[in-house]
N, C-alpha and C. Protein backbone atom coordinates (compact mmCIF):
# COMPACT_ATOMS: atom_id res chain seq x y z
N MET A 1 298.30 79.82 101.30
CA MET A 1 299.01 81.22 102.09
C MET A 1 298.82 81.54 103.54
N ARG A 2 299.90 82.44 103.56
CA ARG A 2 300.98 82.41 104.10
C ARG A 2 299.95 83.28 105.65
N SER A 3 299.90 82.52 106.61
CA SER A 3 299.29 83.40 108.11
C SER A 3 299.94 84.57 108.80
N LEU A 4 299.18 85.57 109.36
CA LEU A 4 299.66 86.73 109.59
C LEU A 4 300.80 86.93 110.54
N SER A 5 300.49 85.61 111.38
CA SER A 5 301.49 85.33 112.54
C SER A 5 302.99 84.87 112.21
N GLU A 6 302.32 84.10 111.10
CA GLU A 6 303.40 83.32 110.09
C GLU A 6 305.06 85.24 109.22
N ILE A 7 303.92 85.41 109.14
CA ILE A 7 304.20 87.13 108.30
C ILE A 7 305.64 87.19 109.26
N ASP A 8 304.68 87.55 110.21
CA ASP A 8 304.85 88.80 111.49
C ASP A 8 306.65 87.94 112.28
N THR A 9 306.68 86.26 112.29
CA THR A 9 307.69 85.79 112.95
C THR A 9 308.45 85.91 112.47
N VAL A 10 308.82 85.35 111.19
CA VAL A 10 309.69 84.91 110.13
C VAL A 10 310.37 86.59 109.25
N SER A 11 309.72 87.67 109.26
CA SER A 11 310.40 89.30 109.31
C SER A 11 311.03 89.55 110.81
N LYS A 12 310.61 89.24 111.43
CA LYS A 12 311.52 89.06 113.17
C LYS A 12 312.89 88.67 113.65
N ARG A 13 311.87 87.14 112.88
CA ARG A 13 313.46 86.60 113.03
C ARG A 13 314.30 86.71 111.69
N SER A 14 314.23 87.01 110.91
CA SER A 14 315.58 87.85 109.79
C SER A 14 315.59 88.91 109.75
N SER A 15 314.40 89.22 110.34
CA SER A 15 315.38 91.21 110.65
C SER A 15 317.00 90.80 111.71
N ARG A 16 316.29 89.74 112.65
CA ARG A 16 317.73 89.84 113.76
C ARG A 16 318.85 89.36 112.94
N ALA A 17 318.56 87.91 111.81
CA ALA A 17 319.50 87.31 111.78
C ALA A 17 320.53 89.09 110.19
N ALA A 18 319.62 89.71 110.15
CA ALA A 18 320.00 90.39 109.22
C ALA A 18 321.00 91.59 109.59
N GLY A 19 320.43 91.75 111.48
CA GLY A 19 321.39 92.93 111.57
C GLY A 19 321.18 93.57 112.58
N TYR A 20 319.71 93.47 112.55
CA TYR A 20 318.83 94.45 113.73
C TYR A 20 318.84 93.60 115.23
N SER A 21 318.31 94.91 116.22
CA SER A 21 318.20 94.38 117.36
C SER A 21 317.52 93.48 117.77
N TRP A 22 316.80 92.46 118.68
CA TRP A 22 315.76 92.02 118.37
C TRP A 22 314.02 93.00 118.85
N GLY A 23 314.92 94.99 119.70
CA GLY A 23 313.06 94.92 119.35
C GLY A 23 313.53 96.24 118.90
N ILE A 24 314.22 96.14 117.28
CA ILE A 24 313.61 96.97 116.40
C ILE A 24 313.21 96.04 115.33
N ALA A 25 313.92 94.10 115.49
CA ALA A 25 313.30 93.29 114.16
C ALA A 25 311.34 93.10 114.43
N GLU A 26 311.36 92.99 116.47
CA GLU A 26 309.97 92.89 116.36
C GLU A 26 309.02 94.46 116.03
N GLU A 27 309.42 95.30 115.58
CA GLU A 27 309.22 96.86 115.07
C GLU A 27 308.59 96.16 113.35
N ILE A 28 310.04 95.58 112.72
CA ILE A 28 309.88 95.83 111.96
C ILE A 28 308.72 94.35 111.28
N GLY A 29 308.40 93.84 112.70
CA GLY A 29 307.68 92.11 112.08
C GLY A 29 305.83 92.13 112.14
N LYS A 30 305.58 93.18 112.90
CA LYS A 30 304.58 94.38 113.02
C LYS A 30 304.88 95.02 112.20
N ASN A 31 305.78 95.29 111.14
CA ASN A 31 305.46 96.51 110.05
C ASN A 31 305.13 95.67 108.96
N ILE A 32 305.68 94.37 108.29
CA ILE A 32 305.61 93.70 106.90
C ILE A 32 304.01 93.40 107.75
N ARG A 33 304.01 92.62 109.27
CA ARG A 33 302.39 92.28 108.99
C ARG A 33 301.56 93.61 108.26
N LEU A 34 301.67 94.58 108.99
CA LEU A 34 300.91 95.47 108.85
C LEU A 34 300.14 95.92 107.03
N LEU A 35 301.69 96.27 106.29
CA LEU A 35 302.15 96.41 105.08
C LEU A 35 300.98 94.67 103.70
N GLU A 36 301.31 93.60 104.84
CA GLU A 36 300.59 92.28 104.46
C GLU A 36 299.37 92.08 104.31
N ILE A 37 298.52 92.95 105.76
CA ILE A 37 297.46 93.54 105.67
C ILE A 37 296.58 93.93 105.39
N PHE A 38 297.41 95.81 104.74
CA PHE A 38 297.06 96.12 103.74
C PHE A 38 297.07 96.21 102.05
N SER A 39 297.27 94.88 101.76
CA SER A 39 297.36 94.52 100.62
C SER A 39 298.87 95.24 100.09
N LEU A 40 299.92 95.31 100.56
CA LEU A 40 301.00 95.84 100.01
C LEU A 40 302.08 94.85 99.53
N PRO A 41 303.30 95.03 99.46
CA PRO A 41 304.42 93.93 98.88
C PRO A 41 305.06 94.46 100.71
N GLY A 42 305.23 93.66 101.47
CA GLY A 42 305.93 94.37 102.31
C GLY A 42 307.31 93.25 102.71
N ILE A 43 306.39 91.62 102.48
CA ILE A 43 307.73 90.40 102.40
C ILE A 43 308.33 90.63 101.20
N LYS A 44 308.03 91.42 99.65
CA LYS A 44 308.84 91.78 98.30
C LYS A 44 310.20 92.12 98.66
N ASN A 45 309.40 93.04 99.28
CA ASN A 45 310.24 94.80 99.80
C ASN A 45 311.68 94.57 100.74
N LEU A 46 311.05 93.79 101.93
CA LEU A 46 311.31 93.36 102.66
C LEU A 46 312.83 92.24 102.66
N ASN A 47 312.27 90.85 102.16
CA ASN A 47 313.56 90.04 101.31
C ASN A 47 314.60 91.04 100.21
N SER A 48 314.19 91.62 99.52
CA SER A 48 314.92 92.18 98.51
C SER A 48 316.21 93.80 99.10
N PHE A 49 315.47 94.08 100.42
CA PHE A 49 316.22 94.80 101.01
C PHE A 49 317.00 94.40 101.75
N PHE A 50 316.85 93.49 101.57
CA PHE A 50 317.62 92.03 102.58
C PHE A 50 318.99 91.84 102.12
N LYS A 51 318.77 91.00 100.74
CA LYS A 51 319.77 90.72 99.78
C LYS A 51 320.92 91.50 99.59
N LYS A 52 320.44 93.12 99.69
CA LYS A 52 320.92 94.00 99.39
C LYS A 52 322.04 95.26 100.39
N LYS A 53 320.76 94.99 101.52
CA LYS A 53 322.09 95.74 102.38
C LYS A 53 323.31 95.64 103.31
N LYS A 54 324.14 94.39 102.55
CA LYS A 54 325.74 94.30 102.37
C LYS A 54 326.23 95.03 101.50
N GLU A 55 325.14 95.27 100.02
CA GLU A 55 325.96 95.72 99.09
C GLU A 55 325.85 97.48 98.94
N ILE A 56 324.74 97.66 99.59
CA ILE A 56 324.82 98.86 99.70
C ILE A 56 325.56 99.96 100.94
N ARG A 57 326.01 100.97 100.55
CA ARG A 57 326.05 102.40 102.49
C ARG A 57 324.72 102.73 102.92
N LEU A 58 324.29 102.36 103.82
CA LEU A 58 322.83 103.19 104.03
C LEU A 58 323.40 104.52 105.26
N GLU A 59 322.61 105.78 105.32
CA GLU A 59 323.51 106.78 106.69
C GLU A 59 322.24 106.39 107.90
N ASN A 60 322.69 106.63 108.74
CA ASN A 60 320.72 106.35 109.61
C ASN A 60 320.83 107.79 109.95
N ILE A 61 319.37 107.86 110.47
CA ILE A 61 318.89 109.58 111.01
C ILE A 61 318.55 109.14 112.20
N SER A 62 319.30 110.01 113.30
CA SER A 62 318.68 110.17 114.85
C SER A 62 317.41 111.55 114.77
N ILE A 63 317.84 112.78 114.82
CA ILE A 63 317.03 113.15 114.84
C ILE A 63 316.65 113.33 114.00
N ILE A 64 315.10 114.11 114.29
CA ILE A 64 314.19 114.19 112.48
C ILE A 64 313.34 115.10 112.57
N LYS A 65 313.99 116.46 111.42
CA LYS A 65 314.00 118.04 111.66
C LYS A 65 312.36 117.51 110.25
N GLN A 66 312.67 119.18 110.37
CA GLN A 66 311.33 118.81 108.79
C GLN A 66 311.64 118.78 107.62
N ASP A 67 313.02 119.14 107.12
CA ASP A 67 313.78 118.68 106.31
C ASP A 67 314.93 117.99 106.13
N ASN A 68 314.77 116.68 105.69
CA ASN A 68 316.10 115.68 106.03
C ASN A 68 316.52 115.40 104.39
N GLU A 69 317.28 115.58 104.20
CA GLU A 69 318.69 115.01 103.15
C GLU A 69 319.05 114.43 103.56
N ALA A 70 319.42 112.65 103.09
CA ALA A 70 321.13 112.27 102.71
C ALA A 70 321.86 112.13 102.10
N GLY A 71 323.14 112.58 102.75
CA GLY A 71 324.55 113.20 101.54
C GLY A 71 324.62 111.77 100.80
N LYS A 72 326.22 111.69 100.85
CA LYS A 72 326.07 110.49 99.75
C LYS A 72 325.25 108.99 99.86
N ASN A 73 324.95 108.32 100.39
CA ASN A 73 323.92 107.47 100.53
C ASN A 73 322.45 107.98 100.60
N GLU A 74 321.46 107.39 100.40
CA GLU A 74 320.09 107.07 101.00
C GLU A 74 320.04 106.42 102.99
N TYR A 75 319.03 107.17 103.17
CA TYR A 75 318.69 107.18 104.74
C TYR A 75 318.60 105.53 104.66
N CYS A 76 318.78 104.13 105.30
CA CYS A 76 318.11 103.14 106.17
C CYS A 76 316.38 103.38 105.99
N PRO A 77 315.35 102.99 105.84
CA PRO A 77 313.96 103.39 105.73
C PRO A 77 313.45 102.49 107.85
N ILE A 78 314.52 101.76 108.00
CA ILE A 78 314.01 101.15 109.28
C ILE A 78 314.12 102.20 110.48
N ILE A 79 315.50 102.55 110.43
CA ILE A 79 315.71 103.51 111.03
C ILE A 79 315.71 104.74 111.20
N ALA A 80 315.21 105.49 109.96
CA ALA A 80 314.03 106.13 109.84
C ALA A 80 312.73 105.87 110.64
N GLY A 81 312.41 105.02 110.32
CA GLY A 81 311.11 104.84 110.49
C GLY A 81 311.18 104.93 112.27
N VAL A 82 311.56 103.72 112.92
CA VAL A 82 311.86 103.67 114.32
C VAL A 82 311.98 105.23 114.94
N ASN A 83 313.14 106.27 114.23
CA ASN A 83 313.32 107.39 114.92
C ASN A 83 311.92 108.35 115.25
N PHE A 84 311.28 108.29 114.19
CA PHE A 84 310.32 109.03 113.51
C PHE A 84 308.78 108.30 114.13
N LEU A 85 308.78 107.15 114.54
CA LEU A 85 307.44 107.23 115.20
C LEU A 85 308.10 107.50 116.77
N ASP A 86 309.29 107.07 117.13
CA ASP A 86 309.33 107.82 118.39
C ASP A 86 309.07 108.99 118.70
N GLN A 87 309.68 109.81 117.85
CA GLN A 87 309.96 111.60 117.64
C GLN A 87 308.23 112.10 117.16
N ILE A 88 307.03 111.40 116.75
CA ILE A 88 306.30 111.54 116.33
C ILE A 88 305.58 112.61 117.15
N LYS A 89 305.30 112.96 118.43
CA LYS A 89 304.61 113.99 119.83
C LYS A 89 305.25 115.17 119.09
N THR A 90 306.86 115.39 118.81
CA THR A 90 306.99 116.50 118.83
C THR A 90 307.38 116.64 117.19
N LEU A 91 306.98 115.51 115.98
CA LEU A 91 307.24 115.96 114.86
C LEU A 91 305.36 116.87 114.51
N GLU A 92 304.94 115.72 114.70
CA GLU A 92 303.35 116.14 115.01
C GLU A 92 303.46 118.64 114.38
N THR A 93 303.76 118.40 115.80
CA THR A 93 303.58 120.31 115.42
C THR A 93 304.53 120.60 114.35
N LEU A 94 305.27 120.12 113.74
CA LEU A 94 305.71 120.84 112.41
C LEU A 94 305.30 120.91 111.48
N ASN A 95 304.15 120.00 111.17
CA ASN A 95 303.24 120.05 110.44
C ASN A 95 303.13 118.99 108.42
N GLU A 96 304.65 119.17 108.03
CA GLU A 96 304.91 119.58 107.00
C GLU A 96 306.76 119.25 107.21
N ILE A 97 306.82 117.58 106.40
CA ILE A 97 308.43 117.15 106.85
C ILE A 97 308.73 116.21 105.63
N THR A 98 309.70 116.16 104.99
CA THR A 98 310.93 116.18 103.72
C THR A 98 311.86 114.84 104.07
N PHE A 99 312.00 113.76 103.19
CA PHE A 99 313.01 113.20 103.46
C PHE A 99 313.78 112.76 101.91
N LYS A 100 314.56 113.68 102.36
CA LYS A 100 315.25 113.04 100.33
C LYS A 100 316.13 111.91 100.77
N LYS A 101 316.19 111.10 99.42
CA LYS A 101 316.82 110.01 99.32
C LYS A 101 316.15 108.50 100.08
N VAL A 102 316.05 108.09 100.41
CA VAL A 102 315.42 107.05 101.06
C VAL A 102 315.37 105.59 99.97
N SER A 103 316.23 104.73 101.04
CA SER A 103 316.08 103.17 100.41
C SER A 103 315.21 102.62 101.09
N TYR A 104 314.21 101.73 99.42
CA TYR A 104 313.41 101.02 100.34
C TYR A 104 311.79 101.97 101.44
N PRO A 105 311.40 102.58 100.39
CA PRO A 105 310.94 103.60 101.53
C PRO A 105 309.46 103.12 101.48
N LEU A 106 308.90 101.88 100.74
CA LEU A 106 307.60 101.46 101.51
C LEU A 106 307.83 100.48 102.80
N LEU A 107 309.52 100.06 103.07
CA LEU A 107 309.67 99.61 104.61
C LEU A 107 309.18 101.03 106.31
N PHE A 108 309.47 102.62 105.66
CA PHE A 108 310.09 102.84 106.17
C PHE A 108 307.44 103.83 106.04
N LEU A 109 307.33 103.07 105.85
CA LEU A 109 306.05 103.47 105.86
C LEU A 109 304.83 103.23 106.95
N PRO A 110 304.95 101.74 106.80
CA PRO A 110 304.36 102.20 107.66
C PRO A 110 304.50 102.11 109.71
N PHE A 111 305.34 103.03 109.60
CA PHE A 111 305.99 103.34 110.88
C PHE A 111 305.30 104.83 110.77
N VAL A 112 305.35 105.20 109.40
CA VAL A 112 304.52 106.88 109.99
C VAL A 112 302.77 106.37 110.47
N SER A 113 302.12 105.02 109.33
CA SER A 113 300.89 104.38 109.83
C SER A 113 300.44 104.63 111.38
N ARG A 114 301.61 103.99 111.63
CA ARG A 114 301.43 103.62 113.09
C ARG A 114 301.80 105.13 114.01
N ALA A 115 302.58 105.80 113.57
CA ALA A 115 302.61 107.19 114.03
C ALA A 115 301.22 107.60 114.31
N ALA A 116 299.88 107.62 112.63
CA ALA A 116 299.89 108.39 113.21
C ALA A 116 298.13 107.76 113.87
N GLU A 117 297.80 106.49 113.76
CA GLU A 117 297.77 105.93 115.67
C GLU A 117 298.30 106.46 116.59
N VAL A 118 299.30 106.17 117.11
CA VAL A 118 299.05 107.55 118.27
C VAL A 118 298.84 108.84 118.46
N ILE A 119 299.15 109.98 117.24
CA ILE A 119 298.55 111.36 117.95
C ILE A 119 297.62 111.34 117.40
N GLY A 120 296.32 109.81 117.22
CA GLY A 120 295.01 110.84 116.56
C GLY A 120 294.61 111.43 115.02
N LYS A 121 295.85 111.35 114.06
CA LYS A 121 295.58 112.37 112.76
C LYS A 121 295.96 111.48 112.02
N ARG A 122 295.19 112.06 110.91
CA ARG A 122 295.26 110.77 109.58
C ARG A 122 296.51 111.94 108.93
N ILE A 123 297.64 110.87 108.07
CA ILE A 123 298.48 111.60 107.82
C ILE A 123 299.25 111.47 106.30
N PHE A 124 299.22 111.88 105.51
CA PHE A 124 299.32 112.00 103.85
C PHE A 124 300.66 112.20 103.76
N LEU A 125 300.44 110.88 102.72
CA LEU A 125 302.53 110.61 102.61
C LEU A 125 302.45 110.20 101.46
N LYS A 126 303.30 111.06 100.29
CA LYS A 126 304.19 111.11 99.06
C LYS A 126 305.29 110.57 99.06
N MET A 127 305.39 109.53 97.95
CA MET A 127 306.55 109.17 97.71
C MET A 127 306.90 108.99 96.55
N ASP A 128 307.31 110.63 95.95
CA ASP A 128 307.48 110.16 94.37
C ASP A 128 306.11 110.63 93.56
N ASP A 129 305.91 110.65 93.14
CA ASP A 129 304.44 110.03 91.88
C ASP A 129 303.27 109.22 93.27
N ARG A 130 304.28 108.17 93.72
CA ARG A 130 303.18 107.16 94.76
C ARG A 130 302.21 107.73 96.45
N GLU A 131 301.41 107.81 95.87
CA GLU A 131 300.24 108.82 96.75
C GLU A 131 299.79 107.88 98.19
N PHE A 132 299.73 108.54 99.48
CA PHE A 132 298.26 107.28 100.05
C PHE A 132 298.48 107.85 101.05
N LEU A 133 297.35 107.68 101.78
CA LEU A 133 296.11 108.61 103.23
C LEU A 133 296.54 107.27 104.28
N LEU A 134 297.30 107.96 104.90
CA LEU A 134 296.89 106.58 106.63
C LEU A 134 296.11 107.24 107.68
N ASN A 135 295.03 106.41 107.68
CA ASN A 135 294.08 106.80 108.05
C ASN A 135 294.59 105.73 109.51
N PHE A 136 294.64 106.22 111.26
CA PHE A 136 294.74 105.91 112.12
C PHE A 136 295.06 104.91 112.28
N ASN A 137 296.33 103.71 111.50
CA ASN A 137 296.49 102.96 111.34
C ASN A 137 295.85 101.62 110.86
N ASN A 138 294.37 102.64 110.51
CA ASN A 138 293.15 101.14 110.03
C ASN A 138 293.30 100.73 108.98
N ASN A 139 293.37 101.87 107.64
CA ASN A 139 293.70 101.24 105.94
C ASN A 139 294.36 102.49 106.26
N ILE A 140 294.69 102.32 104.79
CA ILE A 140 295.35 103.02 103.92
C ILE A 140 294.68 102.96 102.61
N TYR A 141 295.12 103.83 102.40
CA TYR A 141 294.10 105.06 100.71
C TYR A 141 295.23 104.98 100.02
N SER A 142 295.42 105.15 98.63
CA SER A 142 296.74 104.58 97.74
C SER A 142 296.32 105.06 96.78
N ASN A 143 297.11 105.65 95.73
CA ASN A 143 296.74 104.79 94.42
C ASN A 143 297.68 103.99 93.42
N TYR A 144 297.96 103.10 94.90
CA TYR A 144 299.58 103.07 94.19
C TYR A 144 298.78 101.33 94.72
N THR A 145 299.29 100.98 93.71
CA THR A 145 298.40 99.20 93.22
C THR A 145 298.80 98.01 93.54
N LYS A 146 300.35 98.42 92.37
CA LYS A 146 301.40 97.58 91.78
C LYS A 146 302.02 96.56 93.28
N ASN A 147 302.47 95.56 92.88
CA ASN A 147 303.04 94.33 93.69
C ASN A 147 304.32 94.06 93.52
N GLU A 148 305.03 95.38 94.04
CA GLU A 148 306.61 95.27 93.21
C GLU A 148 307.72 96.00 93.72
N ILE A 149 308.49 95.69 93.84
CA ILE A 149 309.70 96.19 94.74
C ILE A 149 309.94 97.62 94.48
N ILE A 150 310.19 98.55 95.57
CA ILE A 150 311.03 99.88 95.20
C ILE A 150 311.84 100.49 96.06
N GLU A 151 312.64 99.88 95.29
CA GLU A 151 314.72 100.24 96.11
C GLU A 151 314.33 101.73 96.07
N SER A 152 313.62 102.73 95.89
CA SER A 152 314.42 104.39 96.46
C SER A 152 313.40 104.94 95.64
N ALA A 153 313.24 106.11 97.17
CA ALA A 153 312.67 107.00 96.56
C ALA A 153 313.98 108.43 96.49
N GLU A 154 313.15 109.60 95.32
CA GLU A 154 313.62 110.50 95.79
C GLU A 154 313.59 111.83 96.38
N ASN A 155 312.26 111.47 96.94
CA ASN A 155 311.24 112.72 97.37
C ASN A 155 310.36 111.89 98.55
N ILE A 156 309.77 111.66 99.28
CA ILE A 156 309.06 111.98 100.46
C ILE A 156 308.85 112.70 101.03
N TYR A 157 307.26 113.04 101.05
CA TYR A 157 306.77 114.77 101.36
C TYR A 157 305.64 113.79 102.55
N LEU A 158 305.30 114.71 104.03
CA LEU A 158 304.07 114.10 104.74
C LEU A 158 304.23 115.18 105.07
N LYS A 159 302.85 114.99 105.24
CA LYS A 159 301.35 116.69 106.15
C LYS A 159 300.79 115.42 107.01
N VAL A 160 300.85 116.12 108.60
CA VAL A 160 299.49 115.91 109.68
C VAL A 160 298.43 116.60 109.04
N LEU A 161 297.79 115.99 109.08
CA LEU A 161 295.81 116.17 108.53
C LEU A 161 295.19 116.74 109.75
N GLU A 162 294.97 117.74 110.12
CA GLU A 162 293.61 118.00 111.53
C GLU A 162 292.62 117.69 110.52
N ASN A 163 291.42 117.22 111.68
CA ASN A 163 291.07 115.96 111.96
C ASN A 163 289.21 116.81 112.23
N ARG A 164 288.39 116.85 111.03
CA ARG A 164 287.09 117.87 110.32
C ARG A 164 286.64 116.74 109.88
N ASP A 165 285.43 117.38 110.04
CA ASP A 165 284.30 116.45 109.95
C ASP A 165 283.70 115.97 108.22
N SER A 166 283.50 115.29 107.23
CA SER A 166 283.57 115.43 106.41
C SER A 166 281.84 115.42 106.38
N PHE A 167 280.79 116.64 106.88
CA PHE A 167 279.76 116.88 106.42
C PHE A 167 279.57 118.31 107.36
N GLU A 168 278.62 118.96 106.96
CA GLU A 168 278.27 120.34 106.93
C GLU A 168 277.12 119.90 107.99
N GLU A 169 277.53 121.59 109.19
CA GLU A 169 277.11 120.85 110.58
C GLU A 169 275.16 121.14 110.55
N LYS A 170 274.45 121.51 109.06
CA LYS A 170 273.27 122.11 108.39
C LYS A 170 272.86 120.12 108.27
N GLU A 171 273.88 119.09 108.00
CA GLU A 171 273.80 118.16 108.32
C GLU A 171 273.63 117.56 109.12
N TRP A 172 274.16 117.53 110.07
CA TRP A 172 274.02 116.83 111.47
C TRP A 172 273.08 117.44 112.18
N ASN A 173 272.45 118.22 112.48
CA ASN A 173 271.78 119.06 112.22
C ASN A 173 270.21 118.96 112.57
N GLU A 174 270.56 117.86 110.90
CA GLU A 174 268.95 117.63 109.90
C GLU A 174 268.54 115.66 110.64
N LEU A 175 270.56 115.57 110.38
CA LEU A 175 269.72 113.82 111.21
C LEU A 175 269.65 113.77 112.46
N TYR A 176 270.56 114.52 113.25
CA TYR A 176 269.96 114.26 115.14
C TYR A 176 268.87 114.07 115.01
N LYS A 177 268.07 115.80 114.81
CA LYS A 177 265.99 116.45 114.48
C LYS A 177 266.34 114.69 114.67
N LEU A 178 266.10 113.88 113.09
CA LEU A 178 264.90 112.77 113.29
C LEU A 178 265.55 112.32 114.21
N SER A 179 266.67 111.81 115.01
CA SER A 179 266.79 110.58 115.51
C SER A 179 266.03 111.11 116.85
N GLU A 180 265.96 111.58 116.85
CA GLU A 180 264.68 112.30 118.18
C GLU A 180 263.77 111.87 118.52
N GLU A 181 263.83 111.42 116.66
CA GLU A 181 262.44 110.36 117.28
C GLU A 181 261.74 109.29 118.21
N THR A 182 263.19 109.44 118.65
CA THR A 182 263.21 107.72 118.68
C THR A 182 263.37 107.47 120.04
N PHE A 183 263.34 108.87 121.05
CA PHE A 183 263.87 109.00 121.88
C PHE A 183 262.32 108.64 123.10
N VAL A 184 261.03 109.38 122.61
CA VAL A 184 259.76 109.42 122.95
C VAL A 184 260.07 107.12 122.82
N GLU A 185 259.68 107.08 121.46
CA GLU A 185 259.74 105.38 122.30
C GLU A 185 260.75 104.90 123.34
N GLU A 186 262.10 104.92 122.47
CA GLU A 186 262.60 104.66 123.78
C GLU A 186 262.29 105.06 126.22
N ASN A 187 261.22 106.55 125.99
CA ASN A 187 260.98 106.14 127.45
C ASN A 187 259.73 105.18 127.40
N GLU A 188 259.02 105.12 126.65
CA GLU A 188 257.80 104.02 126.87
C GLU A 188 258.55 102.85 127.11
N SER A 189 259.20 102.87 126.24
CA SER A 189 259.94 101.20 126.48
C SER A 189 260.08 100.79 127.52
N LEU A 190 260.98 102.05 128.16
CA LEU A 190 261.30 101.68 130.33
C LEU A 190 260.61 101.51 130.31
N LYS A 191 259.53 102.41 130.24
CA LYS A 191 258.53 103.03 131.43
C LYS A 191 257.16 100.97 130.63
N GLN A 192 257.35 100.87 130.27
CA GLN A 192 256.86 99.32 129.64
C GLN A 192 257.27 98.03 131.06
N GLY A 193 258.85 98.93 130.28
CA GLY A 193 259.52 97.63 131.20
C GLY A 193 259.67 97.65 132.97
N GLY A 194 260.02 98.41 132.73
CA GLY A 194 259.22 98.84 134.73
C GLY A 194 258.53 98.84 134.82
N ALA A 195 257.47 98.46 134.58
CA ALA A 195 256.48 98.13 135.63
C ALA A 195 256.32 97.67 136.27
N GLY A 196 256.43 96.25 135.94
CA GLY A 196 256.49 95.55 136.65
C GLY A 196 257.47 94.65 137.46
N ALA A 197 258.09 95.80 137.48
CA ALA A 197 259.66 95.89 138.25
C ALA A 197 260.00 95.76 139.73
N GLY A 198 260.25 94.50 140.79
CA GLY A 198 260.02 94.45 141.84
C GLY A 198 258.63 93.49 142.06
N LEU A 199 258.14 93.53 141.57
CA LEU A 199 256.80 92.55 142.20
C LEU A 199 257.05 90.80 140.95
N THR A 200 256.71 89.87 142.02
CA THR A 200 257.34 88.97 142.20
C THR A 200 255.98 87.54 142.63
N ASP A 201 255.77 86.01 142.11
CA ASP A 201 254.70 85.87 141.30
C ASP A 201 253.77 85.58 142.73
N ASN A 202 254.29 85.82 144.20
CA ASN A 202 253.91 85.54 145.08
C ASN A 202 252.33 87.22 145.31
N ASP A 203 253.27 88.39 145.03
CA ASP A 203 252.92 89.73 145.69
C ASP A 203 251.22 89.27 145.02
């Protein structure tokens, strides 16, 4: 099994060889590492993308809007992802964002995962019929479990989710009340621990 360090390094170097700047190549290395950590086929999709990259025409997008639709060709997932991550502080206010026609969309996904960490909010992403819940770049919940290459996505939908507790206030209060029973124990423990404070064998 390849180490995460190997995955990062080889992804970065191959990205540079494929024509991306070292800066972007480093981002790709981090992203493929993330995909593999989350058990998503990063290496498989990156390798396929680079093999076909010279044969397909891709559109680059610089300014991300609420609705983004490519022209004749599909969006490059790397450039779209880099700019999405760079602009996430502004994009957060849009709440919902769509992309139409994205090549190798799985390579776009880790940029969104990292963006969730930047803004401290979960992001829901739907890639045609595949759904992903990106949790602050810590983990990903998804209905997609296949180890396959996704060459294209007709529609990508993103929604920034507001942070909410998963429990009712009543449940919190009940648990907090129970936790208060330890306060007396802690105080007694501190008193006993401090009873001999400052004393020495010669006192």
